């Protein structure tokens, strides 16, 4: 005997399933905004190099001693090496943490990558807000 399938036998979507889709974007957004706080250091170091070091006429102390160089600051040249090293270290750490948080962990937990990778664009937001408010 065959049993008739009625509408009562079909599974009904629970409110929790609907809530998971809205929460599916909340976690990646909050986590990537939180990643943006320590990312402020490499963003600031990059800004410093691009605005203070690169526009100068000299990039070594030997070039700074030449009399024809007008746009050269000894302290900027002196600090450039440590700033570049710190930028390389903090930038590599930020990339590694971002890779783990936005790719490895979602894959291991069976989550979709699209929301996590899309929310990674929010990492510079804390630095941008700080730069706008602090001038």
Protein backbone atom coordinates (compact mmCIF):
# COMPACT_ATOMS: atom_id res chain seq x y z
CA UNK A 1 0.00 0.00 0.00
CA UNK A 2 1.26 3.39 -0.91
CA UNK A 3 0.86 6.20 1.53
CA UNK A 4 -0.07 9.62 0.29
CA UNK A 5 2.30 12.42 1.15
CA UNK A 6 0.50 15.38 2.59
CA UNK A 7 1.59 18.93 3.21
CA UNK A 8 1.89 18.10 6.90
CA UNK A 9 4.66 15.59 6.19
CA UNK A 10 6.96 18.14 4.49
CA UNK A 11 9.65 19.71 6.64
CA UNK A 12 9.02 23.28 7.66
CA UNK A 13 11.86 25.79 7.80
CA UNK A 14 12.46 26.75 11.37
CA UNK A 15 13.09 30.33 12.48
CA UNK A 16 16.64 29.29 13.36
CA UNK A 17 17.43 28.58 9.70
CA UNK A 18 16.26 32.05 8.75
CA UNK A 19 18.31 33.55 11.55
CA UNK A 20 21.46 31.72 10.37
CA UNK A 21 21.36 33.50 7.02
CA UNK A 22 21.30 36.93 8.64
CA UNK A 23 23.91 35.86 11.13
CA UNK A 24 25.95 34.44 8.27
CA UNK A 25 27.09 37.95 7.38
CA UNK A 26 27.39 39.29 10.90
CA UNK A 27 30.26 37.03 11.97
CA UNK A 28 32.51 37.74 8.94
CA UNK A 29 31.86 41.48 9.19
CA UNK A 30 32.62 41.67 12.91
CA UNK A 31 35.69 39.44 12.71
CA UNK A 32 37.19 41.39 9.79
CA UNK A 33 36.49 44.73 11.47
CA UNK A 34 38.25 43.36 14.55
CA UNK A 35 41.19 42.34 12.34
CA UNK A 36 41.31 45.93 11.16
CA UNK A 37 42.36 47.19 14.59
CA UNK A 38 45.81 45.52 14.65
CA UNK A 39 46.04 46.13 10.89
CA UNK A 40 46.24 49.84 11.63
CA UNK A 41 49.98 49.48 12.25
CA UNK A 42 50.95 48.18 8.79
CA UNK A 43 48.51 50.63 7.18
CA UNK A 44 50.11 53.54 9.05
CA UNK A 45 53.64 52.37 8.20
CA UNK A 46 52.67 52.13 4.53
CA UNK A 47 51.18 55.63 4.66
CA UNK A 48 54.36 56.98 6.28
CA UNK A 49 56.60 55.43 3.66
CA UNK A 50 54.46 56.73 0.80
CA UNK A 51 54.06 60.26 2.13
CA UNK A 52 57.32 60.94 3.99
CA UNK A 53 60.03 58.70 2.56
CA UNK A 54 59.22 58.19 -1.12
CA UNK A 55 58.77 61.90 -2.07
CA UNK A 56 62.22 62.85 -0.71
CA UNK A 57 65.16 63.57 -2.99
CA UNK A 58 67.48 61.31 -0.99
CA UNK A 59 67.08 57.77 0.25
CA UNK A 60 70.49 57.14 1.86
CA UNK A 61 72.62 59.14 4.31
CA UNK A 62 75.29 59.53 1.62
CA UNK A 63 72.79 61.23 -0.67
CA UNK A 64 71.67 63.44 2.20
CA UNK A 65 75.18 64.87 2.53
CA UNK A 66 75.22 66.21 -1.06
CA UNK A 67 74.80 70.00 -1.25
CA UNK A 68 72.43 69.91 -4.25
CA UNK A 69 69.75 67.91 -2.40
CA UNK A 70 67.03 70.19 -1.05
CA UNK A 71 64.17 67.89 -0.03
CA UNK A 72 65.90 65.59 2.44
CA UNK A 73 65.29 64.98 6.13
CA UNK A 74 67.91 63.07 8.10
CA UNK A 75 65.43 61.65 10.59
CA UNK A 76 63.20 60.29 7.83
CA UNK A 77 66.16 58.62 6.12
CA UNK A 78 67.35 57.28 9.47
CA UNK A 79 63.94 55.80 10.37
CA UNK A 80 63.19 54.30 6.94
CA UNK A 81 65.05 51.01 7.50
CA UNK A 82 63.34 50.05 10.76
CA UNK A 83 59.96 51.18 9.38
CA UNK A 84 60.39 48.98 6.28
CA UNK A 85 61.39 46.01 8.46
CA UNK A 86 58.44 46.52 10.80
CA UNK A 87 56.11 46.87 7.83
CA UNK A 88 57.35 43.59 6.35
CA UNK A 89 56.89 41.73 9.65
CA UNK A 90 53.48 43.16 10.56
CA UNK A 91 52.24 42.93 6.97
CA UNK A 92 53.21 39.27 6.74
CA UNK A 93 51.52 38.54 10.07
CA UNK A 94 48.37 40.35 8.96
CA UNK A 95 48.26 38.40 5.70
CA UNK A 96 48.76 35.11 7.54
CA UNK A 97 46.03 35.83 10.08
CA UNK A 98 43.67 37.02 7.34
CA UNK A 99 44.31 33.84 5.35
CA UNK A 100 43.60 31.66 8.37
CA UNK A 101 40.50 33.59 9.47
CA UNK A 102 38.94 34.16 6.05
CA UNK A 103 39.88 30.96 4.22
CA UNK A 104 41.14 28.12 6.40
CA UNK A 105 38.66 28.32 9.30
CA UNK A 106 35.53 28.69 7.15
CA UNK A 107 36.63 25.75 4.99
CA UNK A 108 37.25 23.56 8.04
CA UNK A 109 33.86 24.45 9.51
CA UNK A 110 32.03 23.89 6.24
CA UNK A 111 31.04 27.51 5.76
CA UNK A 112 30.89 29.38 2.48
CA UNK A 113 33.95 31.46 1.58
CA UNK A 114 32.09 34.23 -0.23
CA UNK A 115 30.89 36.16 2.85
CA UNK A 116 34.29 35.84 4.53
CA UNK A 117 36.29 36.97 1.53
CA UNK A 118 33.86 39.79 0.84
CA UNK A 119 34.06 40.99 4.44
CA UNK A 120 37.87 41.06 4.21
CA UNK A 121 37.44 44.33 2.33
CA UNK A 122 36.39 45.85 5.67
CA UNK A 123 39.83 45.38 7.25
CA UNK A 124 41.01 48.93 6.31
CA UNK A 125 37.85 50.55 7.74
CA UNK A 126 39.19 51.14 11.31
CA UNK A 127 42.32 52.79 9.90
CA UNK A 128 40.29 54.94 7.51
CA UNK A 129 37.99 56.05 10.33
CA UNK A 130 40.96 56.89 12.55
CA UNK A 131 42.68 58.79 9.75
CA UNK A 132 39.54 60.79 9.03
CA UNK A 133 38.79 61.64 12.64
CA UNK A 134 42.36 62.33 13.79
CA UNK A 135 43.37 64.15 10.63
